[in-house]
């Protein structure tokens, strides 16, 4: 008898999930899996909570975390926490963070806590305590303890804007750029990550090591 009840609850859960995702958002394929699931479809309170090895897959992004909460009538808001890992497949961007909030409508991801964004196609790795990545205009804003690495360039600052399409990095808040053995300080620094050109504004200082 208990087995029949368990099977009945399991079937009801499957029906609930089928109803929840029966209409794809913007023709996207949307799927998920987790150890546990709970949720509601009450109007204005649509929420699905996945816990334990939670994963969400869409046509463009994969998200993994200890806990994932999906909100909205069209499942447009995703809140991930605990060992968060994500992949933007088309652009080959990987990110890791303590917490991630993702708006599927605006295609904006906000990373909070110790966060890393790895742009594999452009060989750029960037870190910060807060990162906002806008997939629409391909820009990322970094704040607090910012670090960016590409080949022979290392950049540090408290604030930075990375334009992925143009390969430009704007630094502010005590910015420092290390290029091979050279070191640059200024109020504001712009780095062309493609050509490795560095331009500076404000109080400028640094050191350049000559050839032996």
N, C-alpha and C. Protein backbone atom coordinates (compact mmCIF):
# COMPACT_ATOMS: atom_id res chain seq x y z
N UNK A 1 0.83 -1.21 0.00
CA UNK A 1 0.00 0.00 0.00
C UNK A 1 0.87 1.26 0.00
N UNK A 2 1.94 1.26 0.84
CA UNK A 2 2.84 2.41 0.88
C UNK A 2 3.52 2.63 -0.45
N UNK A 3 3.85 1.51 -1.12
CA UNK A 3 4.51 1.62 -2.42
C UNK A 3 3.59 2.27 -3.44
N UNK A 4 2.29 1.93 -3.36
CA UNK A 4 1.32 2.52 -4.28
C UNK A 4 1.21 4.01 -4.05
N UNK A 5 1.24 4.45 -2.76
CA UNK A 5 1.16 5.87 -2.46
C UNK A 5 2.39 6.62 -2.99
N UNK A 6 3.57 6.01 -2.78
CA UNK A 6 4.81 6.64 -3.27
C UNK A 6 4.77 6.80 -4.78
N UNK A 7 4.35 5.75 -5.48
CA UNK A 7 4.27 5.82 -6.94
C UNK A 7 3.25 6.87 -7.37
N UNK A 8 2.17 6.99 -6.62
CA UNK A 8 1.17 8.00 -6.95
C UNK A 8 1.71 9.39 -6.80
N UNK A 9 2.48 9.66 -5.73
CA UNK A 9 3.09 10.97 -5.52
C UNK A 9 4.11 11.27 -6.61
N UNK A 10 4.88 10.24 -6.97
CA UNK A 10 5.89 10.41 -8.03
C UNK A 10 5.23 10.79 -9.34
N UNK A 11 4.14 10.12 -9.69
CA UNK A 11 3.43 10.43 -10.94
C UNK A 11 2.85 11.83 -10.91
N UNK A 12 2.33 12.25 -9.73
CA UNK A 12 1.80 13.61 -9.62
C UNK A 12 2.90 14.63 -9.83
N UNK A 13 4.11 14.33 -9.28
CA UNK A 13 5.23 15.26 -9.46
C UNK A 13 5.61 15.39 -10.92
N UNK A 14 5.63 14.27 -11.65
CA UNK A 14 5.94 14.31 -13.07
C UNK A 14 4.91 15.13 -13.84
N UNK A 15 3.64 14.96 -13.48
CA UNK A 15 2.57 15.73 -14.13
C UNK A 15 2.74 17.21 -13.86
N UNK A 16 3.13 17.54 -12.60
CA UNK A 16 3.35 18.93 -12.23
C UNK A 16 4.47 19.54 -13.06
N UNK A 17 5.57 18.80 -13.22
CA UNK A 17 6.71 19.28 -14.00
C UNK A 17 6.35 19.44 -15.46
N UNK A 18 5.59 18.52 -16.00
CA UNK A 18 5.18 18.61 -17.40
C UNK A 18 4.32 19.84 -17.62
N UNK A 19 3.42 20.13 -16.66
CA UNK A 19 2.58 21.31 -16.77
C UNK A 19 3.41 22.58 -16.65
N UNK A 20 4.37 22.55 -15.72
CA UNK A 20 5.19 23.72 -15.44
C UNK A 20 5.98 24.16 -16.66
N UNK A 21 6.48 23.20 -17.44
CA UNK A 21 7.34 23.54 -18.57
C UNK A 21 6.74 23.13 -19.91
N UNK A 22 5.42 23.07 -19.97
CA UNK A 22 4.77 22.65 -21.22
C UNK A 22 4.86 23.72 -22.30
N UNK A 23 5.02 25.00 -21.91
CA UNK A 23 5.13 26.09 -22.88
C UNK A 23 6.53 26.66 -22.81
N UNK A 24 7.41 26.41 -23.80
CA UNK A 24 8.78 26.91 -23.74
C UNK A 24 8.84 28.41 -23.89
N UNK A 25 9.81 29.03 -23.22
CA UNK A 25 10.00 30.47 -23.28
C UNK A 25 10.75 30.84 -24.55
N UNK A 26 10.12 31.69 -25.40
CA UNK A 26 10.74 32.16 -26.62
C UNK A 26 11.27 31.01 -27.46
N UNK A 27 10.53 29.91 -27.51
CA UNK A 27 10.85 28.72 -28.32
C UNK A 27 12.14 28.05 -27.87
N UNK A 28 12.59 28.34 -26.65
CA UNK A 28 13.78 27.69 -26.12
C UNK A 28 13.43 26.32 -25.54
N UNK A 29 14.33 25.39 -25.71
CA UNK A 29 14.22 24.13 -24.98
C UNK A 29 14.71 24.38 -23.55
N UNK A 30 13.95 23.94 -22.55
CA UNK A 30 14.26 24.25 -21.17
C UNK A 30 14.06 22.99 -20.34
N UNK A 31 15.11 22.51 -19.67
CA UNK A 31 15.00 21.29 -18.89
C UNK A 31 15.81 21.44 -17.62
N UNK A 32 15.58 20.52 -16.65
CA UNK A 32 16.27 20.59 -15.38
C UNK A 32 16.31 19.22 -14.74
N UNK A 33 17.15 19.11 -13.68
CA UNK A 33 17.16 17.92 -12.84
C UNK A 33 17.74 18.30 -11.49
N UNK A 34 17.39 17.51 -10.46
CA UNK A 34 17.86 17.77 -9.10
C UNK A 34 17.49 16.58 -8.22
N UNK A 35 18.04 16.56 -6.99
CA UNK A 35 17.68 15.50 -6.04
C UNK A 35 16.28 15.71 -5.47
N UNK A 36 15.93 17.00 -5.24
CA UNK A 36 14.62 17.32 -4.68
C UNK A 36 13.99 18.48 -5.42
N UNK A 37 12.66 18.53 -5.38
CA UNK A 37 11.93 19.60 -6.06
C UNK A 37 10.70 19.97 -5.25
N UNK A 38 10.39 21.28 -5.19
CA UNK A 38 9.14 21.76 -4.64
C UNK A 38 8.75 22.99 -5.42
N UNK A 39 7.45 23.35 -5.41
CA UNK A 39 7.05 24.51 -6.18
C UNK A 39 5.58 24.81 -6.12
N UNK A 40 5.23 25.91 -6.77
CA UNK A 40 3.85 26.37 -6.82
C UNK A 40 3.57 27.01 -8.16
N UNK A 41 2.33 26.85 -8.65
CA UNK A 41 1.92 27.51 -9.89
C UNK A 41 0.83 28.54 -9.64
N UNK A 42 0.68 28.96 -8.38
CA UNK A 42 -0.32 29.99 -8.07
C UNK A 42 0.02 31.27 -8.81
N UNK A 43 -0.99 31.91 -9.40
CA UNK A 43 -0.77 33.12 -10.20
C UNK A 43 -0.08 34.19 -9.37
N UNK A 44 1.00 34.71 -9.91
CA UNK A 44 1.78 35.73 -9.21
C UNK A 44 2.77 35.16 -8.23
N UNK A 45 2.74 33.86 -8.01
CA UNK A 45 3.67 33.22 -7.07
C UNK A 45 4.32 32.00 -7.70
N UNK A 46 4.51 32.03 -9.01
CA UNK A 46 5.09 30.89 -9.71
C UNK A 46 6.54 30.70 -9.28
N UNK A 47 6.85 29.55 -8.71
CA UNK A 47 8.20 29.29 -8.26
C UNK A 47 8.47 27.79 -8.25
N UNK A 48 9.67 27.43 -8.63
CA UNK A 48 10.12 26.04 -8.58
C UNK A 48 11.47 26.04 -7.88
N UNK A 49 11.64 25.21 -6.85
CA UNK A 49 12.88 25.14 -6.10
C UNK A 49 13.51 23.78 -6.32
N UNK A 50 14.75 23.77 -6.83
CA UNK A 50 15.52 22.56 -7.04
C UNK A 50 16.66 22.54 -6.04
N UNK A 51 16.87 21.44 -5.35
CA UNK A 51 17.94 21.37 -4.37
C UNK A 51 18.68 20.04 -4.48
N UNK A 52 19.99 20.11 -4.27
CA UNK A 52 20.82 18.92 -4.37
C UNK A 52 21.18 18.58 -5.79
N UNK A 53 22.43 18.86 -6.18
CA UNK A 53 22.91 18.58 -7.54
C UNK A 53 21.97 19.14 -8.60
N UNK A 54 21.54 20.37 -8.39
CA UNK A 54 20.56 21.00 -9.29
C UNK A 54 21.21 21.45 -10.59
N UNK A 55 20.50 21.25 -11.70
CA UNK A 55 20.97 21.68 -13.02
C UNK A 55 19.80 22.23 -13.82
N UNK A 56 20.09 23.28 -14.59
CA UNK A 56 19.12 23.84 -15.52
C UNK A 56 19.80 23.98 -16.87
N UNK A 57 19.13 23.53 -17.93
CA UNK A 57 19.65 23.61 -19.28
C UNK A 57 18.66 24.36 -20.17
N UNK A 58 19.17 25.30 -20.95
CA UNK A 58 18.39 25.92 -22.01
C UNK A 58 19.20 25.81 -23.29
N UNK A 59 18.71 26.41 -24.37
CA UNK A 59 19.43 26.33 -25.65
C UNK A 59 20.79 27.01 -25.57
N UNK A 60 20.94 28.00 -24.69
CA UNK A 60 22.16 28.80 -24.70
C UNK A 60 22.99 28.68 -23.43
N UNK A 61 22.42 28.18 -22.33
CA UNK A 61 23.15 28.23 -21.07
C UNK A 61 22.90 26.97 -20.24
N UNK A 62 23.93 26.58 -19.49
CA UNK A 62 23.84 25.49 -18.53
C UNK A 62 24.21 26.04 -17.16
N UNK A 63 23.38 25.76 -16.14
CA UNK A 63 23.63 26.21 -14.79
C UNK A 63 23.62 25.02 -13.84
N UNK A 64 24.59 25.00 -12.90
CA UNK A 64 24.63 23.97 -11.88
C UNK A 64 24.86 24.64 -10.53
N UNK A 65 24.20 24.13 -9.48
CA UNK A 65 24.36 24.71 -8.15
C UNK A 65 23.78 23.77 -7.11
N UNK A 66 24.06 24.08 -5.83
CA UNK A 66 23.45 23.31 -4.75
C UNK A 66 21.94 23.55 -4.71
N UNK A 67 21.54 24.78 -5.01
CA UNK A 67 20.12 25.14 -4.99
C UNK A 67 19.81 26.09 -6.14
N UNK A 68 18.75 25.82 -6.86
CA UNK A 68 18.32 26.69 -7.95
C UNK A 68 16.83 26.98 -7.78
N UNK A 69 16.49 28.25 -7.80
CA UNK A 69 15.09 28.67 -7.71
C UNK A 69 14.69 29.33 -9.02
N UNK A 70 13.61 28.85 -9.61
CA UNK A 70 13.12 29.37 -10.88
C UNK A 70 11.81 30.09 -10.63
N UNK A 71 11.73 31.34 -11.06
CA UNK A 71 10.56 32.17 -10.75
C UNK A 71 9.94 32.74 -12.01
N UNK A 72 8.66 33.12 -11.90
CA UNK A 72 7.97 33.81 -12.98
C UNK A 72 7.05 32.90 -13.77
N UNK A 73 6.02 33.52 -14.36
CA UNK A 73 5.03 32.76 -15.12
C UNK A 73 5.66 32.03 -16.29
N UNK A 74 6.71 32.60 -16.87
CA UNK A 74 7.41 31.98 -17.99
C UNK A 74 8.80 31.48 -17.56
N UNK A 75 8.99 31.28 -16.26
CA UNK A 75 10.26 30.75 -15.75
C UNK A 75 11.44 31.62 -16.16
N UNK A 76 11.23 32.94 -16.13
CA UNK A 76 12.25 33.84 -16.68
C UNK A 76 13.34 34.24 -15.69
N UNK A 77 13.14 34.02 -14.39
CA UNK A 77 14.14 34.42 -13.41
C UNK A 77 14.73 33.18 -12.73
N UNK A 78 16.06 33.10 -12.69
CA UNK A 78 16.73 31.96 -12.09
C UNK A 78 17.70 32.47 -11.03
N UNK A 79 17.60 31.90 -9.82
CA UNK A 79 18.45 32.29 -8.69
C UNK A 79 19.21 31.04 -8.23
N UNK A 80 20.54 31.07 -8.39
CA UNK A 80 21.37 29.91 -8.04
C UNK A 80 22.24 30.26 -6.83
N UNK A 81 22.43 29.30 -5.93
CA UNK A 81 23.30 29.53 -4.76
C UNK A 81 24.02 28.25 -4.39
N UNK A 82 25.25 28.42 -3.91
CA UNK A 82 26.05 27.29 -3.47
C UNK A 82 26.78 26.60 -4.61
N UNK A 83 28.09 26.78 -4.67
CA UNK A 83 28.93 26.11 -5.69
C UNK A 83 28.37 26.29 -7.10
N UNK A 84 28.10 27.53 -7.45
CA UNK A 84 27.46 27.80 -8.75
C UNK A 84 28.48 27.71 -9.88
N UNK A 85 28.09 27.01 -10.93
CA UNK A 85 28.90 26.88 -12.14
C UNK A 85 27.98 27.08 -13.34
N UNK A 86 28.45 27.84 -14.33
CA UNK A 86 27.62 28.07 -15.51
C UNK A 86 28.44 28.09 -16.78
N UNK A 87 27.78 27.79 -17.89
CA UNK A 87 28.41 27.80 -19.20
C UNK A 87 27.48 28.43 -20.21
N UNK A 88 27.97 29.49 -20.89
CA UNK A 88 27.28 30.06 -22.04
C UNK A 88 27.90 29.37 -23.24
N UNK A 89 27.20 28.40 -23.80
CA UNK A 89 27.80 27.47 -24.76
C UNK A 89 28.24 28.14 -26.06
N UNK A 90 27.40 28.98 -26.62
CA UNK A 90 27.71 29.57 -27.93
C UNK A 90 28.96 30.42 -27.90
N UNK A 91 29.16 31.19 -26.81
CA UNK A 91 30.31 32.09 -26.71
C UNK A 91 31.44 31.49 -25.89
N UNK A 92 31.24 30.28 -25.36
CA UNK A 92 32.27 29.56 -24.62
C UNK A 92 32.75 30.37 -23.42
N UNK A 93 31.79 30.84 -22.63
CA UNK A 93 32.08 31.60 -21.42
C UNK A 93 31.68 30.75 -20.21
N UNK A 94 32.62 30.57 -19.29
CA UNK A 94 32.37 29.80 -18.08
C UNK A 94 32.43 30.75 -16.88
N UNK A 95 31.51 30.57 -15.93
CA UNK A 95 31.57 31.39 -14.72
C UNK A 95 31.33 30.53 -13.49
N UNK A 96 31.99 30.95 -12.39
CA UNK A 96 31.86 30.30 -11.10
C UNK A 96 31.61 31.38 -10.05
N UNK A 97 30.73 31.11 -9.09
CA UNK A 97 30.40 32.14 -8.11
C UNK A 97 29.70 31.52 -6.91
N UNK A 98 29.51 32.34 -5.86
CA UNK A 98 28.74 31.90 -4.70
C UNK A 98 27.23 31.97 -4.97
N UNK A 99 26.84 33.02 -5.69
CA UNK A 99 25.42 33.18 -6.01
C UNK A 99 25.26 33.85 -7.36
N UNK A 100 24.30 33.38 -8.13
CA UNK A 100 24.04 33.93 -9.46
C UNK A 100 22.55 34.18 -9.62
N UNK A 101 22.20 35.37 -10.13
CA UNK A 101 20.83 35.69 -10.49
C UNK A 101 20.81 35.93 -12.00
N UNK A 102 19.93 35.22 -12.69
CA UNK A 102 19.91 35.29 -14.15
C UNK A 102 18.52 35.63 -14.64
N UNK A 103 18.44 36.69 -15.44
CA UNK A 103 17.20 37.11 -16.07
C UNK A 103 17.22 36.59 -17.51
N UNK A 104 16.42 35.59 -17.79
CA UNK A 104 16.42 34.98 -19.13
C UNK A 104 15.83 35.91 -20.18
N UNK A 105 14.97 36.83 -19.76
CA UNK A 105 14.38 37.78 -20.70
C UNK A 105 15.42 38.80 -21.17
N UNK A 106 16.11 39.41 -20.21
CA UNK A 106 17.12 40.42 -20.52
C UNK A 106 18.47 39.80 -20.86
N UNK A 107 18.64 38.51 -20.53
CA UNK A 107 19.92 37.82 -20.70
C UNK A 107 21.04 38.53 -19.96
N UNK A 108 20.74 38.84 -18.68
CA UNK A 108 21.71 39.48 -17.80
C UNK A 108 21.96 38.56 -16.61
N UNK A 109 23.24 38.29 -16.34
CA UNK A 109 23.63 37.46 -15.21
C UNK A 109 24.37 38.31 -14.19
N UNK A 110 23.99 38.18 -12.92
CA UNK A 110 24.65 38.90 -11.83
C UNK A 110 25.28 37.89 -10.89
N UNK A 111 26.59 38.00 -10.70
CA UNK A 111 27.35 37.08 -9.87
C UNK A 111 27.77 37.79 -8.60
N UNK A 112 27.54 37.17 -7.45
CA UNK A 112 27.85 37.77 -6.16
C UNK A 112 28.74 36.85 -5.34
N UNK A 113 29.68 37.45 -4.59
CA UNK A 113 30.65 36.67 -3.82
C UNK A 113 31.90 36.45 -4.65
N UNK A 114 32.74 35.54 -4.22
CA UNK A 114 33.96 35.24 -4.98
C UNK A 114 33.56 34.70 -6.36
N UNK A 115 33.82 35.48 -7.40
CA UNK A 115 33.29 35.16 -8.73
C UNK A 115 34.40 35.19 -9.78
N UNK A 116 34.28 34.29 -10.74
CA UNK A 116 35.23 34.20 -11.84
C UNK A 116 34.48 34.07 -13.15
N UNK A 117 34.90 34.85 -14.14
CA UNK A 117 34.36 34.74 -15.49
C UNK A 117 35.52 34.40 -16.42
N UNK A 118 35.36 33.32 -17.16
CA UNK A 118 36.42 32.86 -18.07
C UNK A 118 35.90 32.90 -19.50
N UNK A 119 36.46 33.83 -20.29
CA UNK A 119 36.12 33.96 -21.70
C UNK A 119 37.14 33.14 -22.49
N UNK A 120 36.82 31.89 -22.74
CA UNK A 120 37.80 30.98 -23.33
C UNK A 120 38.15 31.34 -24.76
N UNK A 121 37.21 31.83 -25.53
CA UNK A 121 37.51 32.18 -26.92
C UNK A 121 38.54 33.31 -27.01
N UNK A 122 38.49 34.24 -26.06
CA UNK A 122 39.42 35.37 -26.06
C UNK A 122 40.56 35.20 -25.07
N UNK A 123 40.62 34.04 -24.41
CA UNK A 123 41.69 33.70 -23.47
C UNK A 123 41.80 34.75 -22.35
N UNK A 124 40.65 35.14 -21.82
CA UNK A 124 40.59 36.12 -20.73
C UNK A 124 39.97 35.46 -19.50
N UNK A 125 40.61 35.66 -18.34
CA UNK A 125 40.07 35.22 -17.07
C UNK A 125 39.96 36.44 -16.16
N UNK A 126 38.77 36.68 -15.61
CA UNK A 126 38.55 37.86 -14.76
C UNK A 126 37.87 37.44 -13.47
N UNK A 127 38.25 38.13 -12.37
CA UNK A 127 37.68 37.82 -11.06
C UNK A 127 37.23 39.10 -10.38
N UNK A 128 36.25 38.97 -9.47
CA UNK A 128 35.76 40.10 -8.70
C UNK A 128 34.74 39.64 -7.68
N UNK A 129 34.34 40.55 -6.80
CA UNK A 129 33.33 40.21 -5.80
C UNK A 129 31.91 40.40 -6.34
N UNK A 130 31.77 41.17 -7.41
CA UNK A 130 30.48 41.33 -8.07
C UNK A 130 30.73 41.45 -9.57
N UNK A 131 30.02 40.67 -10.34
CA UNK A 131 30.13 40.72 -11.80
C UNK A 131 28.74 40.77 -12.40
N UNK A 132 28.53 41.68 -13.33
CA UNK A 132 27.28 41.71 -14.09
C UNK A 132 27.62 41.53 -15.56
N UNK A 133 27.13 40.45 -16.15
CA UNK A 133 27.41 40.16 -17.55
C UNK A 133 26.14 40.32 -18.37
N UNK A 134 26.21 41.19 -19.37
CA UNK A 134 25.09 41.44 -20.28
C UNK A 134 25.37 40.72 -21.59
N UNK A 135 24.65 39.64 -21.82
CA UNK A 135 24.88 38.84 -23.03
C UNK A 135 24.43 39.58 -24.28
N UNK A 136 23.50 40.53 -24.13
CA UNK A 136 22.99 41.26 -25.29
C UNK A 136 24.04 42.16 -25.92
N UNK A 137 24.74 42.98 -25.11
CA UNK A 137 25.76 43.87 -25.67
C UNK A 137 27.18 43.37 -25.39
N UNK A 138 27.30 42.17 -24.84
CA UNK A 138 28.58 41.51 -24.61
C UNK A 138 29.54 42.37 -23.78
N UNK A 139 29.02 42.89 -22.67
CA UNK A 139 29.86 43.64 -21.74
C UNK A 139 29.74 43.03 -20.35
N UNK A 140 30.81 43.16 -19.59
CA UNK A 140 30.81 42.69 -18.21
C UNK A 140 31.33 43.81 -17.32
N UNK A 141 30.64 44.04 -16.21
CA UNK A 141 31.06 45.02 -15.22
C UNK A 141 31.56 44.27 -13.99
N UNK A 142 32.77 44.63 -13.52
CA UNK A 142 33.38 43.98 -12.37
C UNK A 142 33.55 45.01 -11.25
N UNK A 143 33.30 44.59 -10.02
CA UNK A 143 33.48 45.48 -8.88
C UNK A 143 34.13 44.74 -7.72
N UNK A 144 35.00 45.45 -7.01
CA UNK A 144 35.65 45.03 -5.78
C UNK A 144 36.67 43.91 -6.03
N UNK A 145 37.92 44.22 -5.73
CA UNK A 145 39.03 43.26 -5.85
C UNK A 145 39.07 42.63 -7.24
N UNK A 146 39.05 43.48 -8.26
CA UNK A 146 39.02 43.00 -9.64
C UNK A 146 40.41 42.55 -10.08
N UNK A 147 40.44 41.40 -10.73
CA UNK A 147 41.68 40.88 -11.31
C UNK A 147 41.36 40.34 -12.70
N UNK A 148 42.18 40.70 -13.68
CA UNK A 148 41.98 40.19 -15.04
C UNK A 148 43.32 39.74 -15.60
N UNK A 149 43.30 38.58 -16.24
CA UNK A 149 44.53 37.99 -16.76
C UNK A 149 44.35 37.63 -18.23
N UNK A 150 45.34 37.99 -19.04
CA UNK A 150 45.40 37.54 -20.43
C UNK A 150 46.86 37.51 -20.87
N UNK A 151 47.34 36.31 -21.13
CA UNK A 151 48.71 36.11 -21.60
C UNK A 151 49.70 36.90 -20.73
N UNK A 152 50.36 37.91 -21.28
CA UNK A 152 51.39 38.63 -20.54
C UNK A 152 50.84 39.82 -19.75
N UNK A 153 49.52 40.02 -19.74
CA UNK A 153 48.92 41.18 -19.08
C UNK A 153 48.17 40.75 -17.82
N UNK A 154 48.41 41.48 -16.73
CA UNK A 154 47.66 41.31 -15.49
C UNK A 154 47.13 42.68 -15.08
N UNK A 155 45.83 42.78 -14.83
CA UNK A 155 45.19 44.05 -14.47
C UNK A 155 44.54 43.93 -13.11
N UNK A 156 44.64 45.01 -12.30
CA UNK A 156 44.01 45.06 -10.99
C UNK A 156 43.30 46.40 -10.82
N UNK A 157 42.16 46.38 -10.18
CA UNK A 157 41.43 47.61 -9.90
C UNK A 157 40.27 47.29 -8.97
N UNK A 158 39.49 48.33 -8.63
CA UNK A 158 38.27 48.13 -7.85
C UNK A 158 37.02 48.17 -8.73
N UNK A 159 37.19 48.62 -9.97
CA UNK A 159 36.06 48.70 -10.90
C UNK A 159 36.59 48.51 -12.32
N UNK A 160 35.87 47.76 -13.13
CA UNK A 160 36.31 47.55 -14.51
C UNK A 160 35.11 47.23 -15.39
N UNK A 161 35.22 47.64 -16.66
CA UNK A 161 34.22 47.30 -17.68
C UNK A 161 34.95 46.60 -18.82
N UNK A 162 34.48 45.41 -19.14
CA UNK A 162 35.10 44.60 -20.19
C UNK A 162 34.14 44.50 -21.37
N UNK A 163 34.56 45.06 -22.51
CA UNK A 163 33.78 44.96 -23.75
C UNK A 163 34.33 43.78 -24.54
N UNK A 164 33.60 42.70 -24.50
CA UNK A 164 34.09 41.45 -25.09
C UNK A 164 34.24 41.55 -26.60
N UNK A 165 33.30 42.20 -27.27
CA UNK A 165 33.32 42.27 -28.72
C UNK A 165 34.50 43.09 -29.23
N UNK A 166 34.79 44.22 -28.56
CA UNK A 166 35.88 45.10 -29.00
C UNK A 166 37.20 44.79 -28.29
N UNK A 167 37.16 43.88 -27.32
CA UNK A 167 38.35 43.50 -26.57
C UNK A 167 38.99 44.70 -25.86
N UNK A 168 38.12 45.54 -25.28
CA UNK A 168 38.58 46.71 -24.54
C UNK A 168 38.27 46.54 -23.06
N UNK A 169 39.21 46.98 -22.21
CA UNK A 169 39.04 46.91 -20.77
C UNK A 169 39.29 48.29 -20.19
N UNK A 170 38.30 48.84 -19.49
CA UNK A 170 38.43 50.13 -18.81
C UNK A 170 38.51 49.90 -17.31
N UNK A 171 39.55 50.46 -16.69
CA UNK A 171 39.82 50.24 -15.27
C UNK A 171 39.75 51.55 -14.51
N UNK A 172 39.19 51.51 -13.29
CA UNK A 172 39.15 52.67 -12.40
C UNK A 172 39.21 52.16 -10.98
N UNK A 173 39.50 53.09 -10.04
CA UNK A 173 39.62 52.67 -8.66
C UNK A 173 40.97 52.04 -8.39
N UNK A 174 42.02 52.87 -8.32
CA UNK A 174 43.41 52.43 -8.08
C UNK A 174 43.84 51.34 -9.07
N UNK A 175 43.68 51.61 -10.37
CA UNK A 175 44.04 50.59 -11.35
C UNK A 175 45.55 50.43 -11.51
N UNK A 176 45.95 49.19 -11.74
CA UNK A 176 47.35 48.86 -12.01
C UNK A 176 47.36 47.84 -13.14
N UNK A 177 48.28 48.04 -14.09
CA UNK A 177 48.44 47.09 -15.19
C UNK A 177 49.89 46.64 -15.24
N UNK A 178 50.09 45.34 -15.25
CA UNK A 178 51.40 44.74 -15.40
C UNK A 178 51.46 44.10 -16.78
N UNK A 179 52.44 44.53 -17.57
CA UNK A 179 52.62 44.00 -18.92
C UNK A 179 54.05 43.52 -19.05
N UNK A 180 54.24 42.20 -19.06
CA UNK A 180 55.59 41.63 -18.97
C UNK A 180 56.26 42.19 -17.72
N UNK A 181 57.37 42.91 -17.87
CA UNK A 181 58.06 43.49 -16.71
C UNK A 181 57.72 44.96 -16.50
N UNK A 182 56.80 45.52 -17.30
CA UNK A 182 56.41 46.92 -17.17
C UNK A 182 55.23 47.04 -16.20
N UNK A 183 55.13 48.23 -15.55
CA UNK A 183 54.07 48.47 -14.58
C UNK A 183 53.49 49.87 -14.79
N UNK A 184 52.15 49.96 -14.81
CA UNK A 184 51.48 51.23 -15.09
C UNK A 184 50.44 51.54 -14.01
N UNK A 185 50.45 52.80 -13.52
CA UNK A 185 49.46 53.29 -12.55
C UNK A 185 48.83 54.57 -13.11
N UNK A 186 47.55 54.79 -12.84
CA UNK A 186 46.88 56.02 -13.25
C UNK A 186 45.52 56.08 -12.58
N UNK A 187 44.83 57.22 -12.76
CA UNK A 187 43.45 57.32 -12.24
C UNK A 187 42.52 56.43 -13.04
N UNK A 188 42.74 56.40 -14.36
CA UNK A 188 41.95 55.56 -15.26
C UNK A 188 42.87 54.96 -16.31
N UNK A 189 42.65 53.69 -16.60
CA UNK A 189 43.48 53.00 -17.58
C UNK A 189 42.58 52.23 -18.55
N UNK A 190 42.92 52.33 -19.82
CA UNK A 190 42.24 51.52 -20.84
C UNK A 190 43.26 50.58 -21.47
N UNK A 191 42.86 49.31 -21.60
CA UNK A 191 43.74 48.30 -22.19
C UNK A 191 43.03 47.68 -23.39
N UNK A 192 43.72 47.69 -24.53
CA UNK A 192 43.24 46.94 -25.68
C UNK A 192 43.84 45.54 -25.55
N UNK A 193 42.99 44.59 -25.20
CA UNK A 193 43.48 43.25 -24.92
C UNK A 193 43.91 42.50 -26.18
N UNK A 194 43.51 43.02 -27.32
CA UNK A 194 43.91 42.40 -28.59
C UNK A 194 45.32 42.84 -28.98
N UNK A 195 45.57 44.16 -28.95
CA UNK A 195 46.87 44.70 -29.35
C UNK A 195 47.82 44.87 -28.16
N UNK A 196 47.29 44.81 -26.93
CA UNK A 196 48.02 45.02 -25.69
C UNK A 196 48.47 46.47 -25.52
N UNK A 197 47.84 47.41 -26.23
CA UNK A 197 48.11 48.83 -26.04
C UNK A 197 47.49 49.29 -24.73
N UNK A 198 48.20 50.18 -24.01
CA UNK A 198 47.73 50.72 -22.74
C UNK A 198 47.66 52.23 -22.84
N UNK A 199 46.51 52.83 -22.50
CA UNK A 199 46.38 54.28 -22.46
C UNK A 199 45.91 54.68 -21.06
N UNK A 200 46.43 55.84 -20.56
CA UNK A 200 46.19 56.24 -19.18
C UNK A 200 45.75 57.69 -19.09
N UNK A 201 44.94 57.98 -18.05
CA UNK A 201 44.48 59.34 -17.78
C UNK A 201 44.63 59.64 -16.30
N UNK A 202 44.74 60.96 -15.98
CA UNK A 202 44.87 61.36 -14.59
C UNK A 202 46.32 61.32 -14.16
N UNK A 203 46.56 61.13 -12.89
CA UNK A 203 47.92 61.05 -12.37
C UNK A 203 48.55 59.74 -12.81
N UNK A 204 49.58 59.87 -13.65
CA UNK A 204 50.17 58.70 -14.31
C UNK A 204 51.55 58.42 -13.72
N UNK A 205 51.83 57.14 -13.50
CA UNK A 205 53.17 56.73 -13.06
C UNK A 205 53.39 55.29 -13.49
N UNK A 206 54.63 54.85 -13.37
CA UNK A 206 54.92 53.48 -13.76
C UNK A 206 56.39 53.23 -13.92
N UNK A 207 56.71 52.10 -14.43
CA UNK A 207 58.11 51.74 -14.69
C UNK A 207 58.16 50.84 -15.91
N UNK A 208 59.21 51.06 -16.72
CA UNK A 208 59.39 50.28 -17.94
C UNK A 208 60.81 49.73 -17.92
N UNK A 209 60.89 48.44 -18.12
CA UNK A 209 62.19 47.78 -18.11
C UNK A 209 62.74 47.75 -19.53
N UNK A 210 63.94 48.27 -19.70
CA UNK A 210 64.57 48.29 -21.02
C UNK A 210 65.13 46.93 -21.39
N UNK A 211 65.43 46.79 -22.66
CA UNK A 211 66.01 45.54 -23.14
C UNK A 211 67.45 45.43 -22.69
N UNK A 212 67.88 44.21 -22.39
CA UNK A 212 69.27 44.02 -21.98
C UNK A 212 70.19 44.09 -23.17
